[in-house]
Every structure is written in C-alpha cells, then in structure tokens.
Amino acid sequence: MRHGPTEAERRLWSLLRGRRFSGFKFRRQFPIGNYIADFVCLDARLIIEADGSQHAESPRDLVRDAYLRAQNFRLLRLWNNDILARPNDASETIWATLHEENT
C-alpha cells in the first residue's frame, strides 16, 4: 500500500467523497481479500481504480480483477491522465456505471 495518494487519486476522491453521486458512499484504500481497492462503493458493488500506464495489460491485474469479479464486484478502471485532464468525463462515466443494471 502506498504512503500517499497520487494526484489523480486525490482528484478522484474529491469527486467521490461525501456521497456526491446520489448518496452512494465510497471508501478509499479498502481491503478486499488480499487486495486493496483504490475506491469502493459496497452498496453498488463497484470498485474504481485510478491507474497509470504500468497497469496496461498487466498479468497481475488480470488475476486480481478475476478475483474481485468472483466476489461480485464490478470494476471501473480510469486512467490517471483522463482523471486529471477530463474530470467531467470521469464523473459522467462513474455516474453512468453506478446507474447501470448490475449484471
């Protein structure tokens, strides 16, 4: 676990905290099994990850994602550059994902 959040994680947390999405409560740096989710909404079973380029096609992430999906979580990965450059788009993507049917 990192000692401090990245700039993208700080910005994303400012979007998520305080039940700003229709009252959905998010937690940050939340443990699930052997993994730590960047942000999670337990009620919506949604994990949001703020990722840099080191996560592009990472075999470790594939294993981690499979485990988290097996725990009935949906995963949304947002690239750090997108969070920083287009926060409104990130916010709209989160909103849409929260309001999708949980399949």
PDB file of N, CA and C in Angstrom:
ATOM      1  N   MET A   1       0.856  -1.178   0.000  1.00  0.00           N
ATOM      2  CA  MET A   1       0.000   0.000   0.000  1.00  0.00           C
ATOM      3  C   MET A   1       0.901   1.239   0.000  1.00  0.00           C
ATOM      4  N   ARG A   2       0.510   2.195  -0.805  1.00  0.00           N
ATOM      5  CA  ARG A   2       1.297   3.422  -0.894  1.00  0.00           C
ATOM      6  C   ARG A   2       1.132   4.274   0.360  1.00  0.00           C
ATOM      7  N   HIS A   3       2.148   5.097   0.593  1.00  0.00           N
ATOM      8  CA  HIS A   3       2.100   6.011   1.737  1.00  0.00           C
ATOM      9  C   HIS A   3       1.203   7.202   1.465  1.00  0.00           C
ATOM     10  N   GLY A   4       1.125   7.620   0.204  1.00  0.00           N
ATOM     11  CA  GLY A   4       0.311   8.773  -0.125  1.00  0.00           C
ATOM     12  C   GLY A   4      -0.344   8.599  -1.478  1.00  0.00           C
ATOM     13  N   PRO A   5      -1.491   9.212  -1.667  1.00  0.00           N
ATOM     14  CA  PRO A   5      -2.197   9.077  -2.941  1.00  0.00           C
ATOM     15  C   PRO A   5      -1.519   9.869  -4.058  1.00  0.00           C
ATOM     16  N   THR A   6      -1.741   9.419  -5.280  1.00  0.00           N
ATOM     17  CA  THR A   6      -1.272  10.177  -6.434  1.00  0.00           C
ATOM     18  C   THR A   6      -2.193  11.381  -6.625  1.00  0.00           C
ATOM     19  N   GLU A   7      -1.779  12.295  -7.477  1.00  0.00           N
ATOM     20  CA  GLU A   7      -2.628  13.459  -7.775  1.00  0.00           C
ATOM     21  C   GLU A   7      -3.961  13.008  -8.371  1.00  0.00           C
ATOM     22  N   ALA A   8      -3.929  12.011  -9.234  1.00  0.00           N
ATOM     23  CA  ALA A   8      -5.174  11.506  -9.830  1.00  0.00           C
ATOM     24  C   ALA A   8      -6.085  10.914  -8.759  1.00  0.00           C
ATOM     25  N   GLU A   9      -5.523  10.182  -7.812  1.00  0.00           N
ATOM     26  CA  GLU A   9      -6.336   9.616  -6.728  1.00  0.00           C
ATOM     27  C   GLU A   9      -6.930  10.714  -5.849  1.00  0.00           C
ATOM     28  N   ARG A  10      -6.146  11.754  -5.584  1.00  0.00           N
ATOM     29  CA  ARG A  10      -6.688  12.882  -4.796  1.00  0.00           C
ATOM     30  C   ARG A  10      -7.861  13.538  -5.524  1.00  0.00           C
ATOM     31  N   ARG A  11      -7.701  13.750  -6.811  1.00  0.00           N
ATOM     32  CA  ARG A  11      -8.785  14.377  -7.586  1.00  0.00           C
ATOM     33  C   ARG A  11     -10.005  13.480  -7.650  1.00  0.00           C
ATOM     34  N   LEU A  12      -9.772  12.192  -7.849  1.00  0.00           N
ATOM     35  CA  LEU A  12     -10.893  11.256  -7.915  1.00  0.00           C
ATOM     36  C   LEU A  12     -11.620  11.195  -6.578  1.00  0.00           C
ATOM     37  N   TRP A  13     -10.883  11.187  -5.485  1.00  0.00           N
ATOM     38  CA  TRP A  13     -11.510  11.171  -4.165  1.00  0.00           C
ATOM     39  C   TRP A  13     -12.352  12.427  -3.947  1.00  0.00           C
ATOM     40  N   SER A  14     -11.898  13.561  -4.446  1.00  0.00           N
ATOM     41  CA  SER A  14     -12.696  14.784  -4.292  1.00  0.00           C
ATOM     42  C   SER A  14     -14.017  14.680  -5.058  1.00  0.00           C
ATOM     43  N   LEU A  15     -14.035  13.881  -6.125  1.00  0.00           N
ATOM     44  CA  LEU A  15     -15.293  13.639  -6.849  1.00  0.00           C
ATOM     45  C   LEU A  15     -16.202  12.663  -6.112  1.00  0.00           C
ATOM     46  N   LEU A  16     -15.618  11.677  -5.443  1.00  0.00           N
ATOM     47  CA  LEU A  16     -16.388  10.575  -4.869  1.00  0.00           C
ATOM     48  C   LEU A  16     -16.849  10.798  -3.439  1.00  0.00           C
ATOM     49  N   ARG A  17     -16.091  11.540  -2.660  1.00  0.00           N
ATOM     50  CA  ARG A  17     -16.391  11.637  -1.231  1.00  0.00           C
ATOM     51  C   ARG A  17     -17.677  12.403  -0.968  1.00  0.00           C
ATOM     52  N   GLY A  18     -18.177  12.231   0.212  1.00  0.00           N
ATOM     53  CA  GLY A  18     -19.338  12.990   0.650  1.00  0.00           C
ATOM     54  C   GLY A  18     -20.640  12.606  -0.038  1.00  0.00           C
ATOM     55  N   ARG A  19     -20.725  11.360  -0.515  1.00  0.00           N
ATOM     56  CA  ARG A  19     -21.968  10.867  -1.138  1.00  0.00           C
ATOM     57  C   ARG A  19     -22.444  11.762  -2.280  1.00  0.00           C
ATOM     58  N   ARG A  20     -21.523  12.220  -3.108  1.00  0.00           N
ATOM     59  CA  ARG A  20     -21.836  13.159  -4.187  1.00  0.00           C
ATOM     60  C   ARG A  20     -22.542  12.526  -5.374  1.00  0.00           C
ATOM     61  N   PHE A  21     -22.605  11.211  -5.420  1.00  0.00           N
ATOM     62  CA  PHE A  21     -23.272  10.516  -6.514  1.00  0.00           C
ATOM     63  C   PHE A  21     -24.555   9.879  -5.992  1.00  0.00           C
ATOM     64  N   SER A  22     -25.611  10.654  -5.929  1.00  0.00           N
ATOM     65  CA  SER A  22     -26.930  10.163  -5.496  1.00  0.00           C
ATOM     66  C   SER A  22     -26.875   9.439  -4.159  1.00  0.00           C
ATOM     67  N   GLY A  23     -26.009   9.880  -3.286  1.00  0.00           N
ATOM     68  CA  GLY A  23     -25.937   9.285  -1.964  1.00  0.00           C
ATOM     69  C   GLY A  23     -25.100   8.023  -1.867  1.00  0.00           C
ATOM     70  N   PHE A  24     -24.459   7.611  -2.960  1.00  0.00           N
ATOM     71  CA  PHE A  24     -23.600   6.431  -2.898  1.00  0.00           C
ATOM     72  C   PHE A  24     -22.365   6.743  -2.056  1.00  0.00           C
ATOM     73  N   LYS A  25     -22.085   5.878  -1.087  1.00  0.00           N
ATOM     74  CA  LYS A  25     -20.932   6.077  -0.206  1.00  0.00           C
ATOM     75  C   LYS A  25     -19.737   5.301  -0.748  1.00  0.00           C
ATOM     76  N   PHE A  26     -18.633   6.000  -0.921  1.00  0.00           N
ATOM     77  CA  PHE A  26     -17.387   5.385  -1.352  1.00  0.00           C
ATOM     78  C   PHE A  26     -16.395   5.368  -0.202  1.00  0.00           C
ATOM     79  N   ARG A  27     -15.574   4.335  -0.212  1.00  0.00           N
ATOM     80  CA  ARG A  27     -14.454   4.220   0.723  1.00  0.00           C
ATOM     81  C   ARG A  27     -13.184   4.158  -0.107  1.00  0.00           C
ATOM     82  N   ARG A  28     -12.089   4.626   0.451  1.00  0.00           N
ATOM     83  CA  ARG A  28     -10.836   4.564  -0.303  1.00  0.00           C
ATOM     84  C   ARG A  28      -9.859   3.630   0.391  1.00  0.00           C
ATOM     85  N   GLN A  29      -8.945   3.070  -0.421  1.00  0.00           N
ATOM     86  CA  GLN A  29      -7.944   2.123   0.070  1.00  0.00           C
ATOM     87  C   GLN A  29      -8.610   1.044   0.931  1.00  0.00           C
ATOM     88  N   PHE A  30      -9.590   0.363   0.329  1.00  0.00           N
ATOM     89  CA  PHE A  30     -10.416  -0.603   1.051  1.00  0.00           C
ATOM     90  C   PHE A  30      -9.922  -2.021   0.767  1.00  0.00           C
ATOM     91  N   PRO A  31      -9.622  -2.807   1.827  1.00  0.00           N
ATOM     92  CA  PRO A  31      -9.138  -4.169   1.615  1.00  0.00           C
ATOM     93  C   PRO A  31     -10.271  -5.119   1.215  1.00  0.00           C
ATOM     94  N   ILE A  32      -9.996  -5.924   0.193  1.00  0.00           N
ATOM     95  CA  ILE A  32     -10.910  -6.981  -0.241  1.00  0.00           C
ATOM     96  C   ILE A  32     -10.030  -8.208  -0.480  1.00  0.00           C
ATOM     97  N   GLY A  33     -10.147  -9.190   0.387  1.00  0.00           N
ATOM     98  CA  GLY A  33      -9.261 -10.341   0.311  1.00  0.00           C
ATOM     99  C   GLY A  33      -7.825  -9.882   0.480  1.00  0.00           C
ATOM    100  N   ASN A  34      -6.955 -10.326  -0.425  1.00  0.00           N
ATOM    101  CA  ASN A  34      -5.540  -9.948  -0.371  1.00  0.00           C
ATOM    102  C   ASN A  34      -5.239  -8.669  -1.144  1.00  0.00           C
ATOM    103  N   TYR A  35      -6.266  -7.973  -1.585  1.00  0.00           N
ATOM    104  CA  TYR A  35      -6.091  -6.808  -2.442  1.00  0.00           C
ATOM    105  C   TYR A  35      -6.614  -5.555  -1.761  1.00  0.00           C
ATOM    106  N   ILE A  36      -6.149  -4.416  -2.255  1.00  0.00           N
ATOM    107  CA  ILE A  36      -6.628  -3.115  -1.780  1.00  0.00           C
ATOM    108  C   ILE A  36      -7.256  -2.408  -2.974  1.00  0.00           C
ATOM    109  N   ALA A  37      -8.532  -2.079  -2.854  1.00  0.00           N
ATOM    110  CA  ALA A  37      -9.220  -1.334  -3.911  1.00  0.00           C
ATOM    111  C   ALA A  37      -8.971   0.152  -3.684  1.00  0.00           C
ATOM    112  N   ASP A  38      -8.674   0.882  -4.772  1.00  0.00           N
ATOM    113  CA  ASP A  38      -8.491   2.330  -4.633  1.00  0.00           C
ATOM    114  C   ASP A  38      -9.734   2.961  -4.026  1.00  0.00           C
ATOM    115  N   PHE A  39     -10.889   2.682  -4.635  1.00  0.00           N
ATOM    116  CA  PHE A  39     -12.167   3.224  -4.173  1.00  0.00           C
ATOM    117  C   PHE A  39     -13.230   2.151  -4.350  1.00  0.00           C
ATOM    118  N   VAL A  40     -14.124   2.043  -3.386  1.00  0.00           N
ATOM    119  CA  VAL A  40     -15.182   1.037  -3.495  1.00  0.00           C
ATOM    120  C   VAL A  40     -16.486   1.596  -2.942  1.00  0.00           C
ATOM    121  N   CYS A  41     -17.566   1.278  -3.642  1.00  0.00           N
ATOM    122  CA  CYS A  41     -18.913   1.526  -3.143  1.00  0.00           C
ATOM    123  C   CYS A  41     -19.507   0.149  -2.875  1.00  0.00           C
ATOM    124  N   LEU A  42     -19.626  -0.188  -1.604  1.00  0.00           N
ATOM    125  CA  LEU A  42     -20.099  -1.523  -1.243  1.00  0.00           C
ATOM    126  C   LEU A  42     -21.547  -1.745  -1.659  1.00  0.00           C
ATOM    127  N   ASP A  43     -22.391  -0.727  -1.507  1.00  0.00           N
ATOM    128  CA  ASP A  43     -23.802  -0.880  -1.875  1.00  0.00           C
ATOM    129  C   ASP A  43     -23.985  -1.177  -3.353  1.00  0.00           C
ATOM    130  N   ALA A  44     -23.192  -0.533  -4.205  1.00  0.00           N
ATOM    131  CA  ALA A  44     -23.297  -0.738  -5.651  1.00  0.00           C
ATOM    132  C   ALA A  44     -22.363  -1.852  -6.136  1.00  0.00           C
ATOM    133  N   ARG A  45     -21.544  -2.406  -5.218  1.00  0.00           N
ATOM    134  CA  ARG A  45     -20.573  -3.448  -5.574  1.00  0.00           C
ATOM    135  C   ARG A  45     -19.679  -2.974  -6.717  1.00  0.00           C
ATOM    136  N   LEU A  46     -19.219  -1.721  -6.605  1.00  0.00           N
ATOM    137  CA  LEU A  46     -18.406  -1.099  -7.642  1.00  0.00           C
ATOM    138  C   LEU A  46     -17.047  -0.705  -7.085  1.00  0.00           C
ATOM    139  N   ILE A  47     -16.004  -1.141  -7.785  1.00  0.00           N
ATOM    140  CA  ILE A  47     -14.634  -0.746  -7.469  1.00  0.00           C
ATOM    141  C   ILE A  47     -14.156   0.175  -8.578  1.00  0.00           C
ATOM    142  N   ILE A  48     -13.561   1.294  -8.181  1.00  0.00           N
ATOM    143  CA  ILE A  48     -12.979   2.230  -9.142  1.00  0.00           C
ATOM    144  C   ILE A  48     -11.482   2.284  -8.888  1.00  0.00           C
ATOM    145  N   GLU A  49     -10.718   2.051  -9.944  1.00  0.00           N
ATOM    146  CA  GLU A  49      -9.264   2.085  -9.869  1.00  0.00           C
ATOM    147  C   GLU A  49      -8.751   3.260 -10.693  1.00  0.00           C
ATOM    148  N   ALA A  50      -7.846   4.020 -10.112  1.00  0.00           N
ATOM    149  CA  ALA A  50      -7.146   5.093 -10.820  1.00  0.00           C
ATOM    150  C   ALA A  50      -5.800   4.518 -11.223  1.00  0.00           C
ATOM    151  N   ASP A  51      -5.614   4.312 -12.512  1.00  0.00           N
ATOM    152  CA  ASP A  51      -4.443   3.581 -12.989  1.00  0.00           C
ATOM    153  C   ASP A  51      -3.535   4.405 -13.873  1.00  0.00           C
ATOM    154  N   GLY A  52      -2.246   4.131 -13.761  1.00  0.00           N
ATOM    155  CA  GLY A  52      -1.242   4.683 -14.650  1.00  0.00           C
ATOM    156  C   GLY A  52      -0.868   3.653 -15.694  1.00  0.00           C
ATOM    157  N   SER A  53       0.079   3.994 -16.528  1.00  0.00           N
ATOM    158  CA  SER A  53       0.454   3.138 -17.656  1.00  0.00           C
ATOM    159  C   SER A  53       1.020   1.792 -17.222  1.00  0.00           C
ATOM    160  N   GLN A  54       1.520   1.685 -15.996  1.00  0.00           N
ATOM    161  CA  GLN A  54       2.069   0.415 -15.535  1.00  0.00           C
ATOM    162  C   GLN A  54       1.005  -0.677 -15.451  1.00  0.00           C
ATOM    163  N   HIS A  55      -0.266  -0.295 -15.502  1.00  0.00           N
ATOM    164  CA  HIS A  55      -1.350  -1.267 -15.410  1.00  0.00           C
ATOM    165  C   HIS A  55      -1.852  -1.732 -16.776  1.00  0.00           C
ATOM    166  N   ALA A  56      -1.349  -1.164 -17.834  1.00  0.00           N
ATOM    167  CA  ALA A  56      -1.791  -1.553 -19.169  1.00  0.00           C
ATOM    168  C   ALA A  56      -1.429  -3.016 -19.422  1.00  0.00           C
ATOM    169  N   GLU A  57      -2.438  -3.826 -19.550  1.00  0.00           N
ATOM    170  CA  GLU A  57      -2.282  -5.251 -19.855  1.00  0.00           C
ATOM    171  C   GLU A  57      -1.386  -5.984 -18.866  1.00  0.00           C
ATOM    172  N   SER A  58      -1.534  -5.669 -17.605  1.00  0.00           N
ATOM    173  CA  SER A  58      -0.750  -6.304 -16.550  1.00  0.00           C
ATOM    174  C   SER A  58      -1.329  -7.677 -16.211  1.00  0.00           C
ATOM    175  N   PRO A  59      -0.515  -8.736 -16.274  1.00  0.00           N
ATOM    176  CA  PRO A  59      -0.997 -10.067 -15.892  1.00  0.00           C
ATOM    177  C   PRO A  59      -1.467 -10.126 -14.437  1.00  0.00           C
ATOM    178  N   ARG A  60      -0.796  -9.398 -13.558  1.00  0.00           N
ATOM    179  CA  ARG A  60      -1.218  -9.368 -12.143  1.00  0.00           C
ATOM    180  C   ARG A  60      -2.614  -8.763 -12.008  1.00  0.00           C
ATOM    181  N   ASP A  61      -2.902  -7.722 -12.794  1.00  0.00           N
ATOM    182  CA  ASP A  61      -4.220  -7.106 -12.734  1.00  0.00           C
ATOM    183  C   ASP A  61      -5.305  -8.057 -13.243  1.00  0.00           C
ATOM    184  N   LEU A  62      -4.983  -8.885 -14.212  1.00  0.00           N
ATOM    185  CA  LEU A  62      -5.962  -9.856 -14.720  1.00  0.00           C
ATOM    186  C   LEU A  62      -6.373 -10.836 -13.619  1.00  0.00           C
ATOM    187  N   VAL A  63      -5.406 -11.314 -12.855  1.00  0.00           N
ATOM    188  CA  VAL A  63      -5.689 -12.232 -11.747  1.00  0.00           C
ATOM    189  C   VAL A  63      -6.499 -11.511 -10.674  1.00  0.00           C
ATOM    190  N   ARG A  64      -6.067 -10.315 -10.333  1.00  0.00           N
ATOM    191  CA  ARG A  64      -6.749  -9.508  -9.312  1.00  0.00           C
ATOM    192  C   ARG A  64      -8.193  -9.224  -9.724  1.00  0.00           C
ATOM    193  N   ASP A  65      -8.377  -8.801 -10.982  1.00  0.00           N
ATOM    194  CA  ASP A  65      -9.721  -8.488 -11.479  1.00  0.00           C
ATOM    195  C   ASP A  65     -10.626  -9.710 -11.450  1.00  0.00           C
ATOM    196  N   ALA A  66     -10.085 -10.864 -11.827  1.00  0.00           N
ATOM    197  CA  ALA A  66     -10.878 -12.099 -11.805  1.00  0.00           C
ATOM    198  C   ALA A  66     -11.327 -12.412 -10.377  1.00  0.00           C
ATOM    199  N   TYR A  67     -10.443 -12.248  -9.414  1.00  0.00           N
ATOM    200  CA  TYR A  67     -10.802 -12.478  -8.020  1.00  0.00           C
ATOM    201  C   TYR A  67     -11.909 -11.511  -7.578  1.00  0.00           C
ATOM    202  N   LEU A  68     -11.735 -10.225  -7.875  1.00  0.00           N
ATOM    203  CA  LEU A  68     -12.711  -9.226  -7.441  1.00  0.00           C
ATOM    204  C   LEU A  68     -14.071  -9.448  -8.102  1.00  0.00           C
ATOM    205  N   ARG A  69     -14.075  -9.837  -9.373  1.00  0.00           N
ATOM    206  CA  ARG A  69     -15.343 -10.151 -10.045  1.00  0.00           C
ATOM    207  C   ARG A  69     -15.995 -11.390  -9.433  1.00  0.00           C
ATOM    208  N   ALA A  70     -15.185 -12.348  -9.014  1.00  0.00           N
ATOM    209  CA  ALA A  70     -15.720 -13.544  -8.358  1.00  0.00           C
ATOM    210  C   ALA A  70     -16.372 -13.195  -7.015  1.00  0.00           C
ATOM    211  N   GLN A  71     -15.985 -12.052  -6.453  1.00  0.00           N
ATOM    212  CA  GLN A  71     -16.600 -11.559  -5.217  1.00  0.00           C
ATOM    213  C   GLN A  71     -17.819 -10.684  -5.513  1.00  0.00           C
ATOM    214  N   ASN A  72     -18.264 -10.696  -6.767  1.00  0.00           N
ATOM    215  CA  ASN A  72     -19.446  -9.954  -7.237  1.00  0.00           C
ATOM    216  C   ASN A  72     -19.250  -8.440  -7.258  1.00  0.00           C
ATOM    217  N   PHE A  73     -18.030  -8.003  -7.540  1.00  0.00           N
ATOM    218  CA  PHE A  73     -17.774  -6.584  -7.734  1.00  0.00           C
ATOM    219  C   PHE A  73     -17.683  -6.285  -9.221  1.00  0.00           C
ATOM    220  N   ARG A  74     -18.136  -5.104  -9.593  1.00  0.00           N
ATOM    221  CA  ARG A  74     -17.885  -4.561 -10.928  1.00  0.00           C
ATOM    222  C   ARG A  74     -16.644  -3.690 -10.812  1.00  0.00           C
ATOM    223  N   LEU A  75     -15.866  -3.625 -11.888  1.00  0.00           N
ATOM    224  CA  LEU A  75     -14.637  -2.831 -11.862  1.00  0.00           C
ATOM    225  C   LEU A  75     -14.681  -1.748 -12.923  1.00  0.00           C
ATOM    226  N   LEU A  76     -14.263  -0.584 -12.527  1.00  0.00           N
ATOM    227  CA  LEU A  76     -14.140   0.540 -13.448  1.00  0.00           C
ATOM    228  C   LEU A  76     -12.717   1.069 -13.314  1.00  0.00           C
ATOM    229  N   ARG A  77     -11.959   0.980 -14.396  1.00  0.00           N
ATOM    230  CA  ARG A  77     -10.600   1.497 -14.403  1.00  0.00           C
ATOM    231  C   ARG A  77     -10.577   2.810 -15.164  1.00  0.00           C
ATOM    232  N   LEU A  78     -10.067   3.831 -14.492  1.00  0.00           N
ATOM    233  CA  LEU A  78      -9.918   5.144 -15.111  1.00  0.00           C
ATOM    234  C   LEU A  78      -8.431   5.467 -15.165  1.00  0.00           C
ATOM    235  N   TRP A  79      -7.987   5.940 -16.322  1.00  0.00           N
ATOM    236  CA  TRP A  79      -6.577   6.299 -16.475  1.00  0.00           C
ATOM    237  C   TRP A  79      -6.300   7.618 -15.772  1.00  0.00           C
ATOM    238  N   ASN A  80      -5.159   7.681 -15.104  1.00  0.00           N
ATOM    239  CA  ASN A  80      -4.766   8.894 -14.381  1.00  0.00           C
ATOM    240  C   ASN A  80      -4.841  10.133 -15.273  1.00  0.00           C
ATOM    241  N   ASN A  81      -4.332  10.024 -16.500  1.00  0.00           N
ATOM    242  CA  ASN A  81      -4.349  11.176 -17.409  1.00  0.00           C
ATOM    243  C   ASN A  81      -5.769  11.652 -17.680  1.00  0.00           C
ATOM    244  N   ASP A  82      -6.708  10.723 -17.824  1.00  0.00           N
ATOM    245  CA  ASP A  82      -8.104  11.100 -18.073  1.00  0.00           C
ATOM    246  C   ASP A  82      -8.721  11.785 -16.856  1.00  0.00           C
ATOM    247  N   ILE A  83      -8.420  11.279 -15.676  1.00  0.00           N
ATOM    248  CA  ILE A  83      -8.949  11.880 -14.451  1.00  0.00           C
ATOM    249  C   ILE A  83      -8.467  13.321 -14.319  1.00  0.00           C
ATOM    250  N   LEU A  84      -7.182  13.537 -14.615  1.00  0.00           N
ATOM    251  CA  LEU A  84      -6.599  14.866 -14.460  1.00  0.00           C
ATOM    252  C   LEU A  84      -7.014  15.821 -15.575  1.00  0.00           C
ATOM    253  N   ALA A  85      -7.068  15.336 -16.804  1.00  0.00           N
ATOM    254  CA  ALA A  85      -7.342  16.214 -17.947  1.00  0.00           C
ATOM    255  C   ALA A  85      -8.837  16.423 -18.196  1.00  0.00           C
ATOM    256  N   ARG A  86      -9.644  15.403 -17.859  1.00  0.00           N
ATOM    257  CA  ARG A  86     -11.080  15.467 -18.159  1.00  0.00           C
ATOM    258  C   ARG A  86     -11.909  14.971 -16.976  1.00  0.00           C
ATOM    259  N   PRO A  87     -11.881  15.688 -15.862  1.00  0.00           N
ATOM    260  CA  PRO A  87     -12.616  15.211 -14.676  1.00  0.00           C
ATOM    261  C   PRO A  87     -14.121  15.111 -14.899  1.00  0.00           C
ATOM    262  N   ASN A  88     -14.684  15.962 -15.747  1.00  0.00           N
ATOM    263  CA  ASN A  88     -16.126  15.866 -16.013  1.00  0.00           C
ATOM    264  C   ASN A  88     -16.477  14.573 -16.726  1.00  0.00           C
ATOM    265  N   ASP A  89     -15.620  14.135 -17.651  1.00  0.00           N
ATOM    266  CA  ASP A  89     -15.840  12.859 -18.334  1.00  0.00           C
ATOM    267  C   ASP A  89     -15.730  11.705 -17.343  1.00  0.00           C
ATOM    268  N   ALA A  90     -14.753  11.771 -16.456  1.00  0.00           N
ATOM    269  CA  ALA A  90     -14.602  10.724 -15.437  1.00  0.00           C
ATOM    270  C   ALA A  90     -15.845  10.667 -14.560  1.00  0.00           C
ATOM    271  N   SER A  91     -16.326  11.821 -14.166  1.00  0.00           N
ATOM    272  CA  SER A  91     -17.524  11.896 -13.333  1.00  0.00           C
ATOM    273  C   SER A  91     -18.742  11.305 -14.050  1.00  0.00           C
ATOM    274  N   GLU A  92     -18.903  11.630 -15.326  1.00  0.00           N
ATOM    275  CA  GLU A  92     -20.023  11.090 -16.095  1.00  0.00           C
ATOM    276  C   GLU A  92     -19.920   9.581 -16.252  1.00  0.00           C
ATOM    277  N   THR A  93     -18.715   9.069 -16.430  1.00  0.00           N
ATOM    278  CA  THR A  93     -18.519   7.619 -16.542  1.00  0.00           C
ATOM    279  C   THR A  93     -18.885   6.932 -15.233  1.00  0.00           C
ATOM    280  N   ILE A  94     -18.490   7.501 -14.122  1.00  0.00           N
ATOM    281  CA  ILE A  94     -18.832   6.936 -12.812  1.00  0.00           C
ATOM    282  C   ILE A  94     -20.339   6.958 -12.619  1.00  0.00           C
ATOM    283  N   TRP A  95     -20.973   8.085 -12.920  1.00  0.00           N
ATOM    284  CA  TRP A  95     -22.428   8.216 -12.783  1.00  0.00           C
ATOM    285  C   TRP A  95     -23.142   7.142 -13.598  1.00  0.00           C
ATOM    286  N   ALA A  96     -22.741   6.994 -14.851  1.00  0.00           N
ATOM    287  CA  ALA A  96     -23.380   6.002 -15.727  1.00  0.00           C
ATOM    288  C   ALA A  96     -23.172   4.590 -15.199  1.00  0.00           C
ATOM    289  N   THR A  97     -21.979   4.297 -14.711  1.00  0.00           N
ATOM    290  CA  THR A  97     -21.687   2.965 -14.196  1.00  0.00           C
ATOM    291  C   THR A  97     -22.494   2.670 -12.934  1.00  0.00           C
ATOM    292  N   LEU A  98     -22.634   3.642 -12.076  1.00  0.00           N
ATOM    293  CA  LEU A  98     -23.433   3.459 -10.868  1.00  0.00           C
ATOM    294  C   LEU A  98     -24.894   3.165 -11.193  1.00  0.00           C
ATOM    295  N   HIS A  99     -25.385   3.716 -12.292  1.00  0.00           N
ATOM    296  CA  HIS A  99     -26.791   3.574 -12.620  1.00  0.00           C
ATOM    297  C   HIS A  99     -27.083   2.478 -13.632  1.00  0.00           C
ATOM    298  N   GLU A 100     -26.056   1.719 -14.019  1.00  0.00           N
ATOM    299  CA  GLU A 100     -26.272   0.558 -14.873  1.00  0.00           C
ATOM    300  C   GLU A 100     -26.894  -0.545 -14.041  1.00  0.00           C
ATOM    301  N   GLU A 101     -27.595  -1.426 -14.745  1.00  0.00           N
ATOM    302  CA  GLU A 101     -28.079  -2.619 -14.080  1.00  0.00           C
ATOM    303  C   GLU A 101     -26.877  -3.451 -13.676  1.00  0.00           C
ATOM    304  N   ASN A 102     -26.874  -3.963 -12.478  1.00  0.00           N
ATOM    305  CA  ASN A 102     -25.787  -4.834 -12.023  1.00  0.00           C
ATOM    306  C   ASN A 102     -26.011  -6.212 -12.615  1.00  0.00           C
ATOM    307  N   THR A 103     -25.198  -6.542 -13.629  1.00  0.00           N
ATOM    308  CA  THR A 103     -25.387  -7.832 -14.311  1.00  0.00           C
ATOM    309  C   THR A 103     -24.367  -8.842 -13.903  1.00  0.00           C
TER     310      THR A 103
END
